[in-house]
């Protein structure tokens, strides 16, 4: 059998390494098991695919989202993105953490156990509700899950603002009052408004939101979609060792920021604002069983 000298293999190894660097990288390797009862079990490298970062295959991302992917838009987006190392550092720390996920349900108003959220290693808030933090008596914000109205960049004011809804459906602009210590996870964003959505935020790759919306749809008669609180639950289940929910899934309990006067305003319908499937989200939360603990629900 002929023997090959080591020196003869070096050009082939060099070519293999070059191809590894040049070929596009997959958007994500694997996600945690399909059952939601295994929080924090996936490796940090697997959970990295929930976020858009500098190593993300942006062409694949735009194709999956059905967005136009011209070279200029891809280069522009890449300038806004965090490095893989920045995200991995936070993921490794949270993997051993006890996390409180805090929503804005009116069930927080008279809940004596709301302050227990402050005892957790990390607190994840849904959107921008300073009254919630005052209600539980804890100003610490470790992470925030934000939609396209919460804590976005506003060029006219040169700062971060939140568009808050009223009982009548209007949106009023207020100053953002939530600045997370670890990261802001933007689960809704538009590549045409990167400054608005990507400023001081980590962008969702869409994998997590698609999965959470699917769970809510399955438990709620085929209706979409989950709230920011629902997405926050899904994120915590992927990132944290233990998860406890506060003020989430509050169907018919209204919103902690205002007092509702009618059944519609209290959230008694199946579909809040024609978008959020509250009944499906609540049924999904109940189906999680021992994967989460619940307080003030």
C-alpha atoms as a PDB file:
ATOM      1  CA  UNK A   1       0.000   0.000   0.000  1.00  0.00           C
ATOM      2  CA  UNK A   2       1.588   3.319  -1.006  1.00  0.00           C
ATOM      3  CA  UNK A   3       2.471   5.819   1.664  1.00  0.00           C
ATOM      4  CA  UNK A   4       1.842   9.544   1.277  1.00  0.00           C
ATOM      5  CA  UNK A   5       4.129  12.177   2.659  1.00  0.00           C
ATOM      6  CA  UNK A   6       2.567  14.680   5.052  1.00  0.00           C
ATOM      7  CA  UNK A   7       3.742  17.523   2.884  1.00  0.00           C
ATOM      8  CA  UNK A   8       1.600  16.335  -0.011  1.00  0.00           C
ATOM      9  CA  UNK A   9      -1.594  16.760   2.060  1.00  0.00           C
ATOM     10  CA  UNK A  10      -0.936  20.345   3.082  1.00  0.00           C
ATOM     11  CA  UNK A  11      -2.387  21.989  -0.088  1.00  0.00           C
ATOM     12  CA  UNK A  12      -5.580  19.953   0.301  1.00  0.00           C
ATOM     13  CA  UNK A  13      -5.938  20.953   3.949  1.00  0.00           C
ATOM     14  CA  UNK A  14      -5.428  24.588   3.037  1.00  0.00           C
ATOM     15  CA  UNK A  15      -8.145  24.343   0.359  1.00  0.00           C
ATOM     16  CA  UNK A  16     -10.531  22.691   2.824  1.00  0.00           C
ATOM     17  CA  UNK A  17      -9.963  25.446   5.388  1.00  0.00           C
ATOM     18  CA  UNK A  18     -10.504  28.136   2.749  1.00  0.00           C
ATOM     19  CA  UNK A  19     -13.784  26.545   1.629  1.00  0.00           C
ATOM     20  CA  UNK A  20     -14.938  26.362   5.258  1.00  0.00           C
ATOM     21  CA  UNK A  21     -14.401  30.097   5.646  1.00  0.00           C
ATOM     22  CA  UNK A  22     -15.932  31.112   2.308  1.00  0.00           C
ATOM     23  CA  UNK A  23     -19.020  28.925   2.165  1.00  0.00           C
ATOM     24  CA  UNK A  24     -22.178  30.489   3.711  1.00  0.00           C
ATOM     25  CA  UNK A  25     -22.876  29.332   7.235  1.00  0.00           C
ATOM     26  CA  UNK A  26     -26.271  27.896   8.164  1.00  0.00           C
ATOM     27  CA  UNK A  27     -28.733  30.120   9.986  1.00  0.00           C
ATOM     28  CA  UNK A  28     -28.895  27.733  12.916  1.00  0.00           C
ATOM     29  CA  UNK A  29     -27.753  24.213  13.717  1.00  0.00           C
ATOM     30  CA  UNK A  30     -30.385  22.662  15.909  1.00  0.00           C
ATOM     31  CA  UNK A  31     -32.955  23.993  18.314  1.00  0.00           C
ATOM     32  CA  UNK A  32     -33.982  22.518  21.670  1.00  0.00           C
ATOM     33  CA  UNK A  33     -36.232  19.434  21.553  1.00  0.00           C
ATOM     34  CA  UNK A  34     -39.790  20.072  20.296  1.00  0.00           C
ATOM     35  CA  UNK A  35     -41.238  19.482  23.765  1.00  0.00           C
ATOM     36  CA  UNK A  36     -41.231  22.723  25.752  1.00  0.00           C
ATOM     37  CA  UNK A  37     -40.558  20.923  29.050  1.00  0.00           C
ATOM     38  CA  UNK A  38     -36.767  21.131  28.791  1.00  0.00           C
ATOM     39  CA  UNK A  39     -35.752  24.737  29.561  1.00  0.00           C
ATOM     40  CA  UNK A  40     -32.079  25.579  29.217  1.00  0.00           C
ATOM     41  CA  UNK A  41     -31.083  22.142  27.879  1.00  0.00           C
ATOM     42  CA  UNK A  42     -29.722  23.202  24.480  1.00  0.00           C
ATOM     43  CA  UNK A  43     -26.101  24.174  24.014  1.00  0.00           C
ATOM     44  CA  UNK A  44     -25.336  27.887  23.785  1.00  0.00           C
ATOM     45  CA  UNK A  45     -24.214  27.465  20.157  1.00  0.00           C
ATOM     46  CA  UNK A  46     -27.618  26.042  19.237  1.00  0.00           C
ATOM     47  CA  UNK A  47     -29.528  28.861  20.955  1.00  0.00           C
ATOM     48  CA  UNK A  48     -27.357  31.373  19.115  1.00  0.00           C
ATOM     49  CA  UNK A  49     -29.579  30.839  16.067  1.00  0.00           C
ATOM     50  CA  UNK A  50     -32.486  32.581  17.799  1.00  0.00           C
ATOM     51  CA  UNK A  51     -30.622  35.878  17.293  1.00  0.00           C
ATOM     52  CA  UNK A  52     -29.288  37.673  14.221  1.00  0.00           C
ATOM     53  CA  UNK A  53     -25.545  38.223  14.621  1.00  0.00           C
ATOM     54  CA  UNK A  54     -22.504  38.881  12.451  1.00  0.00           C
ATOM     55  CA  UNK A  55     -22.075  35.174  11.713  1.00  0.00           C
ATOM     56  CA  UNK A  56     -25.683  34.688  10.588  1.00  0.00           C
ATOM     57  CA  UNK A  57     -26.255  33.710   6.986  1.00  0.00           C
ATOM     58  CA  UNK A  58     -28.216  36.841   6.088  1.00  0.00           C
ATOM     59  CA  UNK A  59     -29.071  35.617   2.591  1.00  0.00           C
ATOM     60  CA  UNK A  60     -30.834  32.594   4.075  1.00  0.00           C
ATOM     61  CA  UNK A  61     -32.522  34.786   6.672  1.00  0.00           C
ATOM     62  CA  UNK A  62     -33.923  37.185   4.046  1.00  0.00           C
ATOM     63  CA  UNK A  63     -35.022  34.286   1.850  1.00  0.00           C
ATOM     64  CA  UNK A  64     -36.905  32.645   4.722  1.00  0.00           C
ATOM     65  CA  UNK A  65     -38.542  35.938   5.713  1.00  0.00           C
ATOM     66  CA  UNK A  66     -39.360  36.674   2.037  1.00  0.00           C
ATOM     67  CA  UNK A  67     -37.532  40.001   2.101  1.00  0.00           C
ATOM     68  CA  UNK A  68     -35.632  41.501  -0.829  1.00  0.00           C
ATOM     69  CA  UNK A  69     -31.929  40.811  -0.211  1.00  0.00           C
ATOM     70  CA  UNK A  70     -29.823  43.275  -2.178  1.00  0.00           C
ATOM     71  CA  UNK A  71     -26.104  43.559  -1.256  1.00  0.00           C
ATOM     72  CA  UNK A  72     -26.518  47.089   0.119  1.00  0.00           C
ATOM     73  CA  UNK A  73     -29.259  46.121   2.594  1.00  0.00           C
ATOM     74  CA  UNK A  74     -27.249  43.099   3.756  1.00  0.00           C
ATOM     75  CA  UNK A  75     -24.142  45.205   4.366  1.00  0.00           C
ATOM     76  CA  UNK A  76     -26.192  47.823   6.196  1.00  0.00           C
ATOM     77  CA  UNK A  77     -27.789  45.229   8.453  1.00  0.00           C
ATOM     78  CA  UNK A  78     -24.460  43.622   9.300  1.00  0.00           C
ATOM     79  CA  UNK A  79     -23.173  46.909  10.710  1.00  0.00           C
ATOM     80  CA  UNK A  80     -25.959  46.875  13.305  1.00  0.00           C
ATOM     81  CA  UNK A  81     -25.408  43.324  14.518  1.00  0.00           C
ATOM     82  CA  UNK A  82     -23.638  42.102  17.670  1.00  0.00           C
ATOM     83  CA  UNK A  83     -20.825  39.572  17.460  1.00  0.00           C
ATOM     84  CA  UNK A  84     -21.354  35.892  18.182  1.00  0.00           C
ATOM     85  CA  UNK A  85     -19.104  36.150  21.237  1.00  0.00           C
ATOM     86  CA  UNK A  86     -21.196  38.953  22.764  1.00  0.00           C
ATOM     87  CA  UNK A  87     -24.363  36.862  22.546  1.00  0.00           C
ATOM     88  CA  UNK A  88     -22.713  33.605  23.631  1.00  0.00           C
ATOM     89  CA  UNK A  89     -21.379  35.230  26.789  1.00  0.00           C
ATOM     90  CA  UNK A  90     -24.909  36.128  27.897  1.00  0.00           C
ATOM     91  CA  UNK A  91     -26.349  32.750  26.869  1.00  0.00           C
ATOM     92  CA  UNK A  92     -23.808  30.838  28.936  1.00  0.00           C
ATOM     93  CA  UNK A  93     -24.566  32.921  32.005  1.00  0.00           C
ATOM     94  CA  UNK A  94     -28.336  32.566  31.658  1.00  0.00           C
ATOM     95  CA  UNK A  95     -28.110  28.788  31.119  1.00  0.00           C
ATOM     96  CA  UNK A  96     -27.568  28.331  34.873  1.00  0.00           C
ATOM     97  CA  UNK A  97     -29.992  31.046  35.953  1.00  0.00           C
ATOM     98  CA  UNK A  98     -33.416  31.166  37.512  1.00  0.00           C
ATOM     99  CA  UNK A  99     -35.476  33.548  35.378  1.00  0.00           C
ATOM    100  CA  UNK A 100     -38.650  35.514  36.111  1.00  0.00           C
ATOM    101  CA  UNK A 101     -40.701  36.437  33.047  1.00  0.00           C
ATOM    102  CA  UNK A 102     -42.890  39.453  33.820  1.00  0.00           C
ATOM    103  CA  UNK A 103     -45.842  40.602  31.734  1.00  0.00           C
ATOM    104  CA  UNK A 104     -48.379  43.382  32.289  1.00  0.00           C
ATOM    105  CA  UNK A 105     -51.588  41.547  33.167  1.00  0.00           C
ATOM    106  CA  UNK A 106     -53.975  43.230  35.578  1.00  0.00           C
ATOM    107  CA  UNK A 107     -53.523  40.121  37.755  1.00  0.00           C
ATOM    108  CA  UNK A 108     -50.407  41.845  39.153  1.00  0.00           C
ATOM    109  CA  UNK A 109     -52.526  44.507  40.889  1.00  0.00           C
ATOM    110  CA  UNK A 110     -53.556  42.527  43.929  1.00  0.00           C
ATOM    111  CA  UNK A 111     -50.992  39.725  43.855  1.00  0.00           C
ATOM    112  CA  UNK A 112     -48.973  39.525  47.069  1.00  0.00           C
ATOM    113  CA  UNK A 113     -46.451  37.202  45.410  1.00  0.00           C
ATOM    114  CA  UNK A 114     -45.435  39.681  42.679  1.00  0.00           C
ATOM    115  CA  UNK A 115     -42.352  40.781  44.623  1.00  0.00           C
ATOM    116  CA  UNK A 116     -40.951  37.234  44.359  1.00  0.00           C
ATOM    117  CA  UNK A 117     -39.801  38.141  40.839  1.00  0.00           C
ATOM    118  CA  UNK A 118     -37.001  40.186  42.402  1.00  0.00           C
ATOM    119  CA  UNK A 119     -35.478  37.062  43.972  1.00  0.00           C
ATOM    120  CA  UNK A 120     -34.602  35.469  40.642  1.00  0.00           C
ATOM    121  CA  UNK A 121     -31.170  35.602  39.007  1.00  0.00           C
ATOM    122  CA  UNK A 122     -32.571  37.342  35.928  1.00  0.00           C
ATOM    123  CA  UNK A 123     -35.803  39.231  35.187  1.00  0.00           C
ATOM    124  CA  UNK A 124     -37.170  39.345  31.619  1.00  0.00           C
ATOM    125  CA  UNK A 125     -39.829  41.982  30.933  1.00  0.00           C
ATOM    126  CA  UNK A 126     -42.288  42.121  28.059  1.00  0.00           C
ATOM    127  CA  UNK A 127     -42.302  45.548  26.347  1.00  0.00           C
ATOM    128  CA  UNK A 128     -41.973  48.840  28.247  1.00  0.00           C
ATOM    129  CA  UNK A 129     -44.087  49.127  31.407  1.00  0.00           C
ATOM    130  CA  UNK A 130     -42.478  51.042  34.263  1.00  0.00           C
ATOM    131  CA  UNK A 131     -45.653  50.640  36.332  1.00  0.00           C
ATOM    132  CA  UNK A 132     -45.049  46.899  36.389  1.00  0.00           C
ATOM    133  CA  UNK A 133     -41.637  47.365  37.994  1.00  0.00           C
ATOM    134  CA  UNK A 134     -43.116  49.682  40.585  1.00  0.00           C
ATOM    135  CA  UNK A 135     -45.871  47.163  41.220  1.00  0.00           C
ATOM    136  CA  UNK A 136     -43.437  44.354  42.031  1.00  0.00           C
ATOM    137  CA  UNK A 137     -41.035  46.672  43.841  1.00  0.00           C
ATOM    138  CA  UNK A 138     -37.957  45.939  41.752  1.00  0.00           C
ATOM    139  CA  UNK A 139     -36.343  48.292  39.236  1.00  0.00           C
ATOM    140  CA  UNK A 140     -33.768  45.790  37.953  1.00  0.00           C
ATOM    141  CA  UNK A 141     -34.170  44.870  34.270  1.00  0.00           C
ATOM    142  CA  UNK A 142     -31.940  42.084  32.953  1.00  0.00           C
ATOM    143  CA  UNK A 143     -33.569  41.558  29.557  1.00  0.00           C
ATOM    144  CA  UNK A 144     -36.479  42.960  27.614  1.00  0.00           C
ATOM    145  CA  UNK A 145     -38.568  41.375  24.856  1.00  0.00           C
ATOM    146  CA  UNK A 146     -39.866  44.252  22.733  1.00  0.00           C
ATOM    147  CA  UNK A 147     -42.226  44.554  19.787  1.00  0.00           C
ATOM    148  CA  UNK A 148     -41.943  47.218  17.055  1.00  0.00           C
ATOM    149  CA  UNK A 149     -43.654  49.825  19.281  1.00  0.00           C
ATOM    150  CA  UNK A 150     -41.571  49.412  22.469  1.00  0.00           C
ATOM    151  CA  UNK A 151     -38.295  51.294  22.987  1.00  0.00           C
ATOM    152  CA  UNK A 152     -37.525  52.119  19.351  1.00  0.00           C
ATOM    153  CA  UNK A 153     -35.202  54.813  18.028  1.00  0.00           C
ATOM    154  CA  UNK A 154     -36.942  58.082  17.158  1.00  0.00           C
ATOM    155  CA  UNK A 155     -34.952  60.409  14.891  1.00  0.00           C
ATOM    156  CA  UNK A 156     -37.113  63.440  15.701  1.00  0.00           C
ATOM    157  CA  UNK A 157     -36.292  63.274  19.429  1.00  0.00           C
ATOM    158  CA  UNK A 158     -32.864  61.644  19.146  1.00  0.00           C
ATOM    159  CA  UNK A 159     -33.783  59.018  21.733  1.00  0.00           C
ATOM    160  CA  UNK A 160     -35.658  55.820  22.467  1.00  0.00           C
ATOM    161  CA  UNK A 161     -39.444  56.088  22.577  1.00  0.00           C
ATOM    162  CA  UNK A 162     -42.421  53.801  23.129  1.00  0.00           C
ATOM    163  CA  UNK A 163     -45.789  54.055  21.409  1.00  0.00           C
ATOM    164  CA  UNK A 164     -48.362  53.104  24.017  1.00  0.00           C
ATOM    165  CA  UNK A 165     -51.873  52.089  23.182  1.00  0.00           C
ATOM    166  CA  UNK A 166     -54.918  53.540  24.905  1.00  0.00           C
ATOM    167  CA  UNK A 167     -58.251  51.939  25.666  1.00  0.00           C
ATOM    168  CA  UNK A 168     -59.611  53.529  22.482  1.00  0.00           C
ATOM    169  CA  UNK A 169     -56.882  52.115  20.256  1.00  0.00           C
ATOM    170  CA  UNK A 170     -54.779  55.259  19.751  1.00  0.00           C
ATOM    171  CA  UNK A 171     -50.987  55.281  20.052  1.00  0.00           C
ATOM    172  CA  UNK A 172     -49.200  58.002  22.026  1.00  0.00           C
ATOM    173  CA  UNK A 173     -45.433  58.514  22.005  1.00  0.00           C
ATOM    174  CA  UNK A 174     -43.660  58.408  25.370  1.00  0.00           C
ATOM    175  CA  UNK A 175     -40.049  58.160  26.456  1.00  0.00           C
ATOM    176  CA  UNK A 176     -38.731  54.598  26.782  1.00  0.00           C
ATOM    177  CA  UNK A 177     -38.419  53.746  30.491  1.00  0.00           C
ATOM    178  CA  UNK A 178     -36.810  50.311  30.185  1.00  0.00           C
ATOM    179  CA  UNK A 179     -33.059  49.914  29.730  1.00  0.00           C
ATOM    180  CA  UNK A 180     -32.028  46.247  30.157  1.00  0.00           C
ATOM    181  CA  UNK A 181     -28.749  45.304  31.779  1.00  0.00           C
ATOM    182  CA  UNK A 182     -28.092  42.348  29.457  1.00  0.00           C
ATOM    183  CA  UNK A 183     -29.980  42.790  26.175  1.00  0.00           C
ATOM    184  CA  UNK A 184     -33.157  43.937  24.438  1.00  0.00           C
ATOM    185  CA  UNK A 185     -34.623  41.223  22.177  1.00  0.00           C
ATOM    186  CA  UNK A 186     -36.515  42.760  19.259  1.00  0.00           C
ATOM    187  CA  UNK A 187     -38.951  40.064  18.147  1.00  0.00           C
ATOM    188  CA  UNK A 188     -40.615  42.311  15.510  1.00  0.00           C
ATOM    189  CA  UNK A 189     -38.482  44.375  13.133  1.00  0.00           C
ATOM    190  CA  UNK A 190     -38.315  45.602   9.560  1.00  0.00           C
ATOM    191  CA  UNK A 191     -35.127  45.726   7.430  1.00  0.00           C
ATOM    192  CA  UNK A 192     -36.319  49.013   5.913  1.00  0.00           C
ATOM    193  CA  UNK A 193     -36.253  50.686   9.348  1.00  0.00           C
ATOM    194  CA  UNK A 194     -33.061  49.308  10.863  1.00  0.00           C
ATOM    195  CA  UNK A 195     -32.191  52.413  12.862  1.00  0.00           C
ATOM    196  CA  UNK A 196     -35.630  52.299  14.456  1.00  0.00           C
ATOM    197  CA  UNK A 197     -35.527  48.641  15.427  1.00  0.00           C
ATOM    198  CA  UNK A 198     -31.872  47.663  15.740  1.00  0.00           C
ATOM    199  CA  UNK A 199     -30.599  50.557  17.863  1.00  0.00           C
ATOM    200  CA  UNK A 200     -29.493  49.072  21.212  1.00  0.00           C
ATOM    201  CA  UNK A 201     -31.270  45.803  20.429  1.00  0.00           C
ATOM    202  CA  UNK A 202     -30.623  42.209  19.406  1.00  0.00           C
ATOM    203  CA  UNK A 203     -32.819  41.189  16.488  1.00  0.00           C
ATOM    204  CA  UNK A 204     -34.826  37.972  16.340  1.00  0.00           C
ATOM    205  CA  UNK A 205     -34.047  35.542  13.530  1.00  0.00           C
ATOM    206  CA  UNK A 206     -37.736  34.639  13.486  1.00  0.00           C
ATOM    207  CA  UNK A 207     -37.184  31.021  14.558  1.00  0.00           C
ATOM    208  CA  UNK A 208     -38.424  31.582  18.096  1.00  0.00           C
ATOM    209  CA  UNK A 209     -41.408  33.760  17.171  1.00  0.00           C
ATOM    210  CA  UNK A 210     -42.556  31.327  14.484  1.00  0.00           C
ATOM    211  CA  UNK A 211     -42.449  28.524  16.990  1.00  0.00           C
ATOM    212  CA  UNK A 212     -44.305  30.394  19.745  1.00  0.00           C
ATOM    213  CA  UNK A 213     -46.969  31.620  17.322  1.00  0.00           C
ATOM    214  CA  UNK A 214     -47.380  28.027  16.180  1.00  0.00           C
ATOM    215  CA  UNK A 215     -47.922  26.835  19.756  1.00  0.00           C
ATOM    216  CA  UNK A 216     -50.508  29.552  20.416  1.00  0.00           C
ATOM    217  CA  UNK A 217     -52.266  28.812  17.126  1.00  0.00           C
ATOM    218  CA  UNK A 218     -52.399  25.091  17.933  1.00  0.00           C
ATOM    219  CA  UNK A 219     -53.887  25.694  21.384  1.00  0.00           C
ATOM    220  CA  UNK A 220     -56.285  28.414  20.255  1.00  0.00           C
ATOM    221  CA  UNK A 221     -58.244  27.094  17.331  1.00  0.00           C
ATOM    222  CA  UNK A 222     -55.815  28.060  14.589  1.00  0.00           C
ATOM    223  CA  UNK A 223     -55.727  31.780  15.440  1.00  0.00           C
ATOM    224  CA  UNK A 224     -52.497  33.783  15.525  1.00  0.00           C
ATOM    225  CA  UNK A 225     -50.619  35.274  17.404  1.00  0.00           C
ATOM    226  CA  UNK A 226     -48.704  35.352  20.696  1.00  0.00           C
ATOM    227  CA  UNK A 227     -48.120  38.556  22.665  1.00  0.00           C
ATOM    228  CA  UNK A 228     -44.658  39.898  23.513  1.00  0.00           C
ATOM    229  CA  UNK A 229     -45.190  38.156  26.848  1.00  0.00           C
ATOM    230  CA  UNK A 230     -45.718  34.851  25.054  1.00  0.00           C
ATOM    231  CA  UNK A 231     -42.501  35.346  23.080  1.00  0.00           C
ATOM    232  CA  UNK A 232     -40.712  36.178  26.348  1.00  0.00           C
ATOM    233  CA  UNK A 233     -41.892  32.860  27.800  1.00  0.00           C
ATOM    234  CA  UNK A 234     -40.526  30.987  24.786  1.00  0.00           C
ATOM    235  CA  UNK A 235     -37.197  32.828  25.028  1.00  0.00           C
ATOM    236  CA  UNK A 236     -36.809  32.055  28.728  1.00  0.00           C
ATOM    237  CA  UNK A 237     -37.604  28.376  28.149  1.00  0.00           C
ATOM    238  CA  UNK A 238     -34.732  28.228  25.672  1.00  0.00           C
ATOM    239  CA  UNK A 239     -32.235  30.243  27.735  1.00  0.00           C
ATOM    240  CA  UNK A 240     -32.831  29.642  31.448  1.00  0.00           C
ATOM    241  CA  UNK A 241     -32.509  26.718  33.855  1.00  0.00           C
ATOM    242  CA  UNK A 242     -35.716  27.562  35.761  1.00  0.00           C
ATOM    243  CA  UNK A 243     -38.607  29.774  34.609  1.00  0.00           C
ATOM    244  CA  UNK A 244     -41.332  31.457  36.685  1.00  0.00           C
ATOM    245  CA  UNK A 245     -44.114  33.533  35.120  1.00  0.00           C
ATOM    246  CA  UNK A 246     -45.631  36.692  36.602  1.00  0.00           C
ATOM    247  CA  UNK A 247     -48.576  38.621  35.120  1.00  0.00           C
ATOM    248  CA  UNK A 248     -48.873  36.619  31.909  1.00  0.00           C
ATOM    249  CA  UNK A 249     -51.796  34.943  30.155  1.00  0.00           C
ATOM    250  CA  UNK A 250     -54.251  37.187  31.988  1.00  0.00           C
ATOM    251  CA  UNK A 251     -57.343  36.693  29.850  1.00  0.00           C
ATOM    252  CA  UNK A 252     -60.167  38.910  31.126  1.00  0.00           C
ATOM    253  CA  UNK A 253     -57.947  40.588  33.743  1.00  0.00           C
ATOM    254  CA  UNK A 254     -57.122  43.738  31.798  1.00  0.00           C
ATOM    255  CA  UNK A 255     -53.821  45.575  31.755  1.00  0.00           C
ATOM    256  CA  UNK A 256     -51.836  46.776  34.740  1.00  0.00           C
ATOM    257  CA  UNK A 257     -51.369  50.235  33.179  1.00  0.00           C
ATOM    258  CA  UNK A 258     -55.038  51.183  33.167  1.00  0.00           C
ATOM    259  CA  UNK A 259     -58.404  50.266  34.591  1.00  0.00           C
ATOM    260  CA  UNK A 260     -60.751  48.731  32.011  1.00  0.00           C
ATOM    261  CA  UNK A 261     -64.467  49.434  32.206  1.00  0.00           C
ATOM    262  CA  UNK A 262     -66.005  47.145  29.598  1.00  0.00           C
ATOM    263  CA  UNK A 263     -65.710  43.461  28.813  1.00  0.00           C
ATOM    264  CA  UNK A 264     -63.910  44.284  25.565  1.00  0.00           C
ATOM    265  CA  UNK A 265     -61.403  46.529  27.349  1.00  0.00           C
ATOM    266  CA  UNK A 266     -60.775  43.878  30.013  1.00  0.00           C
ATOM    267  CA  UNK A 267     -59.712  41.489  27.287  1.00  0.00           C
ATOM    268  CA  UNK A 268     -62.725  39.247  27.349  1.00  0.00           C
ATOM    269  CA  UNK A 269     -62.589  38.462  23.642  1.00  0.00           C
ATOM    270  CA  UNK A 270     -60.725  35.706  21.857  1.00  0.00           C
ATOM    271  CA  UNK A 271     -58.425  38.005  19.941  1.00  0.00           C
ATOM    272  CA  UNK A 272     -57.065  41.228  21.449  1.00  0.00           C
ATOM    273  CA  UNK A 273     -56.665  44.075  18.936  1.00  0.00           C
ATOM    274  CA  UNK A 274     -57.451  41.627  16.152  1.00  0.00           C
ATOM    275  CA  UNK A 275     -53.935  40.153  16.499  1.00  0.00           C
ATOM    276  CA  UNK A 276     -53.177  38.453  19.820  1.00  0.00           C
ATOM    277  CA  UNK A 277     -54.831  35.143  20.585  1.00  0.00           C
ATOM    278  CA  UNK A 278     -55.094  35.422  24.368  1.00  0.00           C
ATOM    279  CA  UNK A 279     -57.137  32.256  24.827  1.00  0.00           C
ATOM    280  CA  UNK A 280     -54.647  30.222  22.834  1.00  0.00           C
ATOM    281  CA  UNK A 281     -51.728  31.740  24.720  1.00  0.00           C
ATOM    282  CA  UNK A 282     -53.286  30.975  28.096  1.00  0.00           C
ATOM    283  CA  UNK A 283     -54.024  27.378  27.020  1.00  0.00           C
ATOM    284  CA  UNK A 284     -50.430  27.009  25.847  1.00  0.00           C
ATOM    285  CA  UNK A 285     -49.105  28.298  29.183  1.00  0.00           C
ATOM    286  CA  UNK A 286     -51.219  25.739  31.005  1.00  0.00           C
ATOM    287  CA  UNK A 287     -49.930  22.980  28.728  1.00  0.00           C
ATOM    288  CA  UNK A 288     -46.339  23.707  29.786  1.00  0.00           C
ATOM    289  CA  UNK A 289     -46.957  21.943  33.092  1.00  0.00           C
ATOM    290  CA  UNK A 290     -43.834  21.563  35.236  1.00  0.00           C
ATOM    291  CA  UNK A 291     -41.634  23.358  32.683  1.00  0.00           C
ATOM    292  CA  UNK A 292     -42.670  26.656  34.309  1.00  0.00           C
ATOM    293  CA  UNK A 293     -43.907  27.921  37.650  1.00  0.00           C
ATOM    294  CA  UNK A 294     -46.680  30.498  37.680  1.00  0.00           C
ATOM    295  CA  UNK A 295     -47.426  33.423  39.999  1.00  0.00           C
ATOM    296  CA  UNK A 296     -49.971  36.212  39.587  1.00  0.00           C
ATOM    297  CA  UNK A 297     -51.564  34.601  36.524  1.00  0.00           C
END
